[in-house]
Amino acid sequence: MLGFSLSSALFFNFCLVIVIIAAAEAQTASPAPAAASCSLKSNSSCDECLQNVSCLWCSSTQQCIEYPVKNILPPNSVCPLNDARWGVCWVNFQILIITMSVLAGVIIVAVLVCCLCCCCKCERIGNKREDAQVARQTRARKARQKARKTEIQLRHDEIRQKYGMAKENPYARMDDH
């Protein structure tokens, strides 16, 4: 059905497990050489140091040190933030923190603006519905008022007829009798 048999699926899973185990062993064995390779690149250039992702370049001391992964930011005792370089040589941590904070703020403001726009749009749709309902109720009220007015007018006309006060022409001038 899927284009492969059960035996090929089992073989694929077996290979995947082997790869995962090999990667786990490589990860447990790699931190010691990374620390050594970072310290070996001290007094070299920033570009050479930052070829290894686990290294941090301190431009004030011209030292390549292992990035302190236990802390999010390297402590000032290791290297001041404005002298610390990681990833690329032209961005220091201070600028990186400010830039990321501004970007996060812009993203949060953009999300809030989008939410407010959606809420206002939904509110306007709700107002249209509410306005239509109010208009229907107003039309129904006016129709009831008109029906009551004509009913009252008919009763008054009947009373006028009964007592002989009805006029044949309502627009005729009243005569003195």
Protein backbone atom coordinates (compact mmCIF):
# COMPACT_ATOMS: atom_id res chain seq x y z
CA MET A 1 0.00 0.00 0.00
CA LEU A 2 2.66 2.48 1.02
CA GLY A 3 5.26 1.27 -1.47
CA PHE A 4 7.47 -0.69 0.94
CA SER A 5 7.20 -3.96 2.76
CA LEU A 6 7.26 -4.72 6.46
CA SER A 7 10.85 -6.01 6.29
CA SER A 8 12.11 -2.76 4.72
CA ALA A 9 10.29 -0.76 7.43
CA LEU A 10 11.97 -2.86 10.14
CA PHE A 11 15.35 -2.39 8.45
CA PHE A 12 14.76 1.39 8.33
CA ASN A 13 13.85 1.46 12.05
CA PHE A 14 16.92 -0.63 12.91
CA CYS A 15 19.20 1.77 10.98
CA LEU A 16 17.53 4.74 12.68
CA VAL A 17 18.17 3.27 16.14
CA ILE A 18 21.83 2.62 15.25
CA VAL A 19 22.26 6.21 14.04
CA ILE A 20 20.66 7.60 17.22
CA ILE A 21 22.90 5.47 19.45
CA ALA A 22 26.00 6.51 17.49
CA ALA A 23 25.02 10.19 17.73
CA ALA A 24 24.45 9.89 21.49
CA GLU A 25 27.88 8.32 21.96
CA ALA A 26 29.47 11.01 19.81
CA GLN A 27 27.78 13.73 21.87
CA THR A 28 28.99 12.31 25.17
CA ALA A 29 32.54 12.01 23.83
CA SER A 30 32.71 15.44 22.12
CA PRO A 31 32.63 18.06 24.96
CA ALA A 32 36.22 17.45 26.10
CA PRO A 33 37.81 17.96 22.65
CA ALA A 34 35.60 21.03 22.07
CA ALA A 35 36.94 22.66 25.22
CA ALA A 36 40.46 21.80 24.20
CA SER A 37 39.93 23.08 20.66
CA CYS A 38 38.50 26.37 21.99
CA SER A 39 41.43 26.99 24.31
CA LEU A 40 43.90 26.02 21.54
CA LYS A 41 42.52 28.81 19.35
CA SER A 42 43.29 31.55 21.89
CA ASN A 43 45.53 34.35 20.62
CA SER A 44 44.42 33.53 17.08
CA SER A 45 41.68 35.35 15.18
CA CYS A 46 38.00 35.69 15.94
CA ASP A 47 37.04 33.93 12.69
CA GLU A 48 39.14 30.89 13.54
CA CYS A 49 37.68 30.72 17.04
CA LEU A 50 34.07 31.01 15.97
CA GLN A 51 34.33 28.19 13.44
CA ASN A 52 33.42 25.98 16.38
CA VAL A 53 29.89 26.77 17.57
CA SER A 54 30.71 25.97 21.18
CA CYS A 55 33.44 28.63 21.34
CA LEU A 56 33.16 32.23 22.52
CA TRP A 57 35.63 34.93 21.48
CA CYS A 58 36.53 37.64 23.97
CA SER A 59 37.98 40.55 21.99
CA SER A 60 39.41 42.39 25.02
CA THR A 61 41.60 39.44 26.08
CA GLN A 62 41.97 37.93 22.57
CA GLN A 63 40.99 34.56 24.06
CA CYS A 64 38.85 31.79 22.66
CA ILE A 65 36.94 30.11 25.47
CA GLU A 66 34.22 27.51 25.67
CA TYR A 67 30.75 29.07 25.78
CA PRO A 68 29.33 28.75 29.32
CA VAL A 69 26.19 26.80 28.44
CA LYS A 70 24.99 26.73 32.06
CA ASN A 71 24.27 30.46 31.79
CA ILE A 72 22.22 32.02 29.04
CA LEU A 73 24.63 34.94 28.80
CA PRO A 74 28.32 34.68 29.57
CA PRO A 75 29.07 36.16 33.01
CA ASN A 76 31.12 39.35 33.23
CA SER A 77 33.93 37.40 34.93
CA VAL A 78 34.38 35.31 31.78
CA CYS A 79 34.12 38.20 29.32
CA PRO A 80 32.27 41.56 29.34
CA LEU A 81 29.17 41.53 27.14
CA ASN A 82 30.38 44.29 24.84
CA ASP A 83 33.58 42.30 24.15
CA ALA A 84 32.00 38.84 23.78
CA ARG A 85 31.49 37.48 20.27
CA TRP A 86 29.60 34.33 19.40
CA GLY A 87 28.47 33.08 16.01
CA VAL A 88 29.84 36.04 14.03
CA CYS A 89 32.66 38.40 14.85
CA TRP A 90 30.93 41.67 14.02
CA VAL A 91 28.08 41.34 16.59
CA ASN A 92 28.79 41.62 20.31
CA PHE A 93 26.43 40.29 22.96
CA GLN A 94 25.31 43.73 24.08
CA ILE A 95 24.11 44.65 20.58
CA LEU A 96 22.67 41.17 20.16
CA ILE A 97 20.62 41.51 23.38
CA ILE A 98 19.35 44.97 22.43
CA THR A 99 18.47 43.85 18.90
CA MET A 100 16.69 40.71 20.05
CA SER A 101 14.76 42.70 22.68
CA VAL A 102 13.65 45.26 20.10
CA LEU A 103 12.66 42.54 17.64
CA ALA A 104 10.72 40.70 20.34
CA GLY A 105 8.97 43.95 21.28
CA VAL A 106 8.09 44.68 17.65
CA ILE A 107 6.72 41.16 17.19
CA ILE A 108 4.64 41.44 20.38
CA VAL A 109 3.28 44.83 19.32
CA ALA A 110 2.50 43.49 15.83
CA VAL A 111 0.63 40.52 17.29
CA LEU A 112 -1.32 42.81 19.63
CA VAL A 113 -2.20 45.16 16.75
CA CYS A 114 -3.39 42.21 14.67
CA CYS A 115 -5.49 40.93 17.58
CA LEU A 116 -6.98 44.40 18.14
CA CYS A 117 -7.77 44.74 14.43
CA CYS A 118 -9.47 41.35 14.42
CA CYS A 119 -11.43 42.23 17.57
CA CYS A 120 -12.52 45.59 16.14
CA LYS A 121 -13.52 43.93 12.89
CA CYS A 122 -15.58 41.36 14.79
CA GLU A 123 -17.07 44.14 16.90
CA ARG A 124 -18.06 46.06 13.78
CA ILE A 125 -19.71 42.92 12.41
CA GLY A 126 -21.52 42.55 15.72
CA ASN A 127 -22.64 46.20 15.52
CA LYS A 128 -24.00 45.63 12.01
CA ARG A 129 -26.01 42.69 13.29
CA GLU A 130 -27.18 44.70 16.27
CA ASP A 131 -28.05 47.67 14.06
CA ALA A 132 -30.07 45.44 11.74
CA GLN A 133 -31.94 43.99 14.73
CA VAL A 134 -32.66 47.48 16.11
CA ALA A 135 -33.90 48.58 12.67
CA ARG A 136 -36.23 45.55 12.49
CA GLN A 137 -37.58 46.30 15.95
CA THR A 138 -38.11 49.96 15.04
CA ARG A 139 -40.01 49.00 11.86
CA ALA A 140 -42.17 46.56 13.84
CA ARG A 141 -42.86 49.22 16.50
CA LYS A 142 -43.83 51.79 13.86
CA ALA A 143 -46.14 49.27 12.16
CA ARG A 144 -47.86 48.54 15.52
CA GLN A 145 -48.18 52.28 16.21
CA LYS A 146 -49.73 52.83 12.78
CA ALA A 147 -52.16 49.95 13.31
CA ARG A 148 -53.16 51.35 16.73
CA LYS A 149 -53.55 54.85 15.28
CA THR A 150 -55.86 53.62 12.53
CA GLU A 151 -57.82 51.55 15.06
CA ILE A 152 -58.29 54.57 17.33
CA GLN A 153 -59.27 56.70 14.32
CA LEU A 154 -61.88 54.10 13.33
CA ARG A 155 -63.32 54.07 16.87
CA HIS A 156 -63.50 57.86 16.91
CA ASP A 157 -65.21 57.86 13.51
CA GLU A 158 -67.76 55.29 14.78
CA ILE A 159 -68.50 57.44 17.83
CA ARG A 160 -68.91 60.54 15.62
CA GLN A 161 -71.28 58.59 13.34
CA LYS A 162 -73.25 57.35 16.32
CA TYR A 163 -73.83 60.86 17.68
CA GLY A 164 -74.23 62.52 14.28
CA MET A 165 -71.12 64.52 14.42
CA ALA A 166 -69.54 62.93 11.37
CA LYS A 167 -68.77 65.06 8.39
CA GLU A 168 -69.14 63.79 4.89
CA ASN A 169 -66.27 65.97 3.78
CA PRO A 170 -63.69 66.42 6.50
CA TYR A 171 -62.23 69.38 4.63
CA ALA A 172 -65.49 71.30 4.35
CA ARG A 173 -66.01 74.48 6.32
CA MET A 174 -68.01 74.16 9.47
CA ASP A 175 -71.44 75.79 9.19
CA ASP A 176 -73.20 77.54 12.00
CA HIS A 177 -76.44 75.57 12.61
